[in-house]
Amino acid sequence: MGVYYLLKHTPPEASPLGTENTLSLMTGVVTDASFSGQSRVTATAKSPVTDLVGDSQSGGFWAAELKGAGFDGIVIHGQAERPVYLWIQNGEAELRDAAHLWGQFTADVKDAI
């Protein structure tokens, strides 16, 4: 699905580091299934190394939490004018101001949110 959204929304001439690139974070079909190793997410975007499709996979609780919140994935377009973070709760998603979190250590941001 990540490649689908990349090809659908990113012009071929778009710079991988530019605002026209598309970032998709997609869970797997069996993510959040009740057996070990099934919490995976794939990040897909145009790669600055190859100028082609680039992807990376990750595990942990985040993918299962996203799926449990009712989302199979997230597609991000453009660039925010100011620091923001994506808040997802009870099937709703919103961008929230993150100016007060800018420049802090990751663990401190996690605790604040």
C-alpha atoms as a PDB file:
ATOM      1  CA  MET A   1       0.000   0.000   0.000  1.00  0.00           C
ATOM      2  CA  GLY A   2       2.874   2.371   0.701  1.00  0.00           C
ATOM      3  CA  VAL A   3       4.187   2.039  -2.852  1.00  0.00           C
ATOM      4  CA  TYR A   4       0.662   2.579  -4.199  1.00  0.00           C
ATOM      5  CA  TYR A   5       0.300   5.907  -2.356  1.00  0.00           C
ATOM      6  CA  LEU A   6       3.845   6.961  -3.264  1.00  0.00           C
ATOM      7  CA  LEU A   7       3.204   6.396  -6.970  1.00  0.00           C
ATOM      8  CA  LYS A   8      -0.270   7.938  -6.796  1.00  0.00           C
ATOM      9  CA  HIS A   9       0.707  11.149  -4.972  1.00  0.00           C
ATOM     10  CA  THR A  10       4.378  11.841  -5.758  1.00  0.00           C
ATOM     11  CA  PRO A  11       5.317  13.324  -9.142  1.00  0.00           C
ATOM     12  CA  PRO A  12       8.205  11.467 -10.848  1.00  0.00           C
ATOM     13  CA  GLU A  13      10.362  14.615 -10.818  1.00  0.00           C
ATOM     14  CA  ALA A  14       9.782  15.322  -7.109  1.00  0.00           C
ATOM     15  CA  SER A  15      12.856  15.679  -4.946  1.00  0.00           C
ATOM     16  CA  PRO A  16      13.124  12.960  -2.291  1.00  0.00           C
ATOM     17  CA  LEU A  17      13.869  15.685   0.265  1.00  0.00           C
ATOM     18  CA  GLY A  18      11.208  18.063  -1.042  1.00  0.00           C
ATOM     19  CA  THR A  19       7.660  18.791   0.001  1.00  0.00           C
ATOM     20  CA  GLU A  20       6.162  16.858  -2.940  1.00  0.00           C
ATOM     21  CA  ASN A  21       7.456  13.515  -1.618  1.00  0.00           C
ATOM     22  CA  THR A  22       4.904  11.261   0.091  1.00  0.00           C
ATOM     23  CA  LEU A  23       5.604   9.338   3.307  1.00  0.00           C
ATOM     24  CA  SER A  24       3.396   6.328   4.032  1.00  0.00           C
ATOM     25  CA  LEU A  25       3.395   4.375   7.279  1.00  0.00           C
ATOM     26  CA  MET A  26       1.481   1.143   6.677  1.00  0.00           C
ATOM     27  CA  THR A  27       0.721  -1.748   8.999  1.00  0.00           C
ATOM     28  CA  GLY A  28       0.686  -5.344   7.784  1.00  0.00           C
ATOM     29  CA  VAL A  29      -2.408  -7.434   7.230  1.00  0.00           C
ATOM     30  CA  VAL A  30      -1.750  -9.525  10.343  1.00  0.00           C
ATOM     31  CA  THR A  31      -0.559  -6.624  12.520  1.00  0.00           C
ATOM     32  CA  ASP A  32      -2.210  -6.806  15.935  1.00  0.00           C
ATOM     33  CA  ALA A  33      -2.960 -10.524  15.532  1.00  0.00           C
ATOM     34  CA  SER A  34      -2.725 -12.440  18.778  1.00  0.00           C
ATOM     35  CA  PHE A  35       0.583 -14.191  18.150  1.00  0.00           C
ATOM     36  CA  SER A  36       4.211 -13.162  18.558  1.00  0.00           C
ATOM     37  CA  GLY A  37       5.997 -10.996  15.990  1.00  0.00           C
ATOM     38  CA  GLN A  38       2.919  -9.541  14.318  1.00  0.00           C
ATOM     39  CA  SER A  39       3.347  -5.846  15.103  1.00  0.00           C
ATOM     40  CA  ARG A  40       5.066  -4.440  12.007  1.00  0.00           C
ATOM     41  CA  VAL A  41       4.962  -1.140  10.132  1.00  0.00           C
ATOM     42  CA  THR A  42       6.554  -0.214   6.791  1.00  0.00           C
ATOM     43  CA  ALA A  43       7.656   3.355   6.002  1.00  0.00           C
ATOM     44  CA  THR A  44       7.706   4.114   2.258  1.00  0.00           C
ATOM     45  CA  ALA A  45       8.888   7.259   0.433  1.00  0.00           C
ATOM     46  CA  LYS A  46      11.046   8.286  -2.505  1.00  0.00           C
ATOM     47  CA  SER A  47      14.618   7.517  -1.490  1.00  0.00           C
ATOM     48  CA  PRO A  48      17.284  10.253  -1.495  1.00  0.00           C
ATOM     49  CA  VAL A  49      19.880   7.515  -2.091  1.00  0.00           C
ATOM     50  CA  THR A  50      18.386   5.900  -5.217  1.00  0.00           C
ATOM     51  CA  ASP A  51      15.719   8.440  -6.324  1.00  0.00           C
ATOM     52  CA  LEU A  52      13.416   5.394  -6.462  1.00  0.00           C
ATOM     53  CA  VAL A  53      11.115   3.724  -3.928  1.00  0.00           C
ATOM     54  CA  GLY A  54      12.691   3.375  -0.516  1.00  0.00           C
ATOM     55  CA  ASP A  55      11.210   1.517   2.421  1.00  0.00           C
ATOM     56  CA  SER A  56      12.040   0.442   5.921  1.00  0.00           C
ATOM     57  CA  GLN A  57      10.341  -1.854   8.410  1.00  0.00           C
ATOM     58  CA  SER A  58       9.962  -1.596  12.141  1.00  0.00           C
ATOM     59  CA  GLY A  59       8.454  -3.585  14.969  1.00  0.00           C
ATOM     60  CA  GLY A  60       7.287  -2.785  18.460  1.00  0.00           C
ATOM     61  CA  PHE A  61       4.008  -1.666  19.978  1.00  0.00           C
ATOM     62  CA  TRP A  62       3.354   1.338  17.720  1.00  0.00           C
ATOM     63  CA  ALA A  63       1.999  -0.581  14.697  1.00  0.00           C
ATOM     64  CA  ALA A  64      -0.400  -2.633  16.816  1.00  0.00           C
ATOM     65  CA  GLU A  65      -1.586   0.505  18.613  1.00  0.00           C
ATOM     66  CA  LEU A  66      -2.225   2.218  15.253  1.00  0.00           C
ATOM     67  CA  LYS A  67      -4.180  -0.766  13.963  1.00  0.00           C
ATOM     68  CA  GLY A  68      -6.087  -1.028  17.251  1.00  0.00           C
ATOM     69  CA  ALA A  69      -7.065   2.648  16.892  1.00  0.00           C
ATOM     70  CA  GLY A  70      -8.772   1.779  13.604  1.00  0.00           C
ATOM     71  CA  PHE A  71      -6.085   2.778  11.106  1.00  0.00           C
ATOM     72  CA  ASP A  72      -4.297   0.525   8.607  1.00  0.00           C
ATOM     73  CA  GLY A  73      -1.824   3.270   7.796  1.00  0.00           C
ATOM     74  CA  ILE A  74      -0.977   6.949   7.559  1.00  0.00           C
ATOM     75  CA  VAL A  75      -0.134   8.931   4.416  1.00  0.00           C
ATOM     76  CA  ILE A  76       1.700  12.231   4.925  1.00  0.00           C
ATOM     77  CA  HIS A  77       1.868  14.949   2.242  1.00  0.00           C
ATOM     78  CA  GLY A  78       3.640  18.297   2.202  1.00  0.00           C
ATOM     79  CA  GLN A  79       5.294  20.124   5.043  1.00  0.00           C
ATOM     80  CA  ALA A  80       3.860  21.787   8.109  1.00  0.00           C
ATOM     81  CA  GLU A  81       4.449  25.519   8.513  1.00  0.00           C
ATOM     82  CA  ARG A  82       5.354  24.993  12.174  1.00  0.00           C
ATOM     83  CA  PRO A  83       6.230  22.002  14.398  1.00  0.00           C
ATOM     84  CA  VAL A  84       3.263  19.645  14.797  1.00  0.00           C
ATOM     85  CA  TYR A  85       2.630  16.081  15.894  1.00  0.00           C
ATOM     86  CA  LEU A  86      -0.049  13.615  14.875  1.00  0.00           C
ATOM     87  CA  TRP A  87      -2.450  12.708  17.692  1.00  0.00           C
ATOM     88  CA  ILE A  88      -4.601   9.595  17.199  1.00  0.00           C
ATOM     89  CA  GLN A  89      -7.205   8.534  19.722  1.00  0.00           C
ATOM     90  CA  ASN A  90     -10.523   6.687  19.531  1.00  0.00           C
ATOM     91  CA  GLY A  91     -10.468   6.497  15.720  1.00  0.00           C
ATOM     92  CA  GLU A  92      -9.841  10.242  15.292  1.00  0.00           C
ATOM     93  CA  ALA A  93      -6.644  11.857  13.997  1.00  0.00           C
ATOM     94  CA  GLU A  94      -5.532  15.470  14.341  1.00  0.00           C
ATOM     95  CA  LEU A  95      -2.380  17.553  13.966  1.00  0.00           C
ATOM     96  CA  ARG A  96      -1.472  19.346  17.189  1.00  0.00           C
ATOM     97  CA  ASP A  97       0.938  22.204  17.851  1.00  0.00           C
ATOM     98  CA  ALA A  98       4.371  20.969  18.956  1.00  0.00           C
ATOM     99  CA  ALA A  99       6.210  24.277  19.424  1.00  0.00           C
ATOM    100  CA  HIS A 100       6.501  23.611  23.168  1.00  0.00           C
ATOM    101  CA  LEU A 101       8.176  20.246  22.415  1.00  0.00           C
ATOM    102  CA  TRP A 102      10.646  21.466  19.780  1.00  0.00           C
ATOM    103  CA  GLY A 103      14.297  20.798  20.666  1.00  0.00           C
ATOM    104  CA  GLN A 104      13.581  18.478  23.606  1.00  0.00           C
ATOM    105  CA  PHE A 105      14.901  14.955  24.032  1.00  0.00           C
ATOM    106  CA  THR A 106      12.666  12.178  22.668  1.00  0.00           C
ATOM    107  CA  ALA A 107      12.007  10.675  26.107  1.00  0.00           C
ATOM    108  CA  ASP A 108      10.912  14.090  27.444  1.00  0.00           C
ATOM    109  CA  VAL A 109       8.569  14.595  24.463  1.00  0.00           C
ATOM    110  CA  LYS A 110       7.049  11.144  25.031  1.00  0.00           C
ATOM    111  CA  ASP A 111       6.440  11.975  28.697  1.00  0.00           C
ATOM    112  CA  ALA A 112       4.903  15.368  27.829  1.00  0.00           C
ATOM    113  CA  ILE A 113       2.521  13.911  25.272  1.00  0.00           C
END
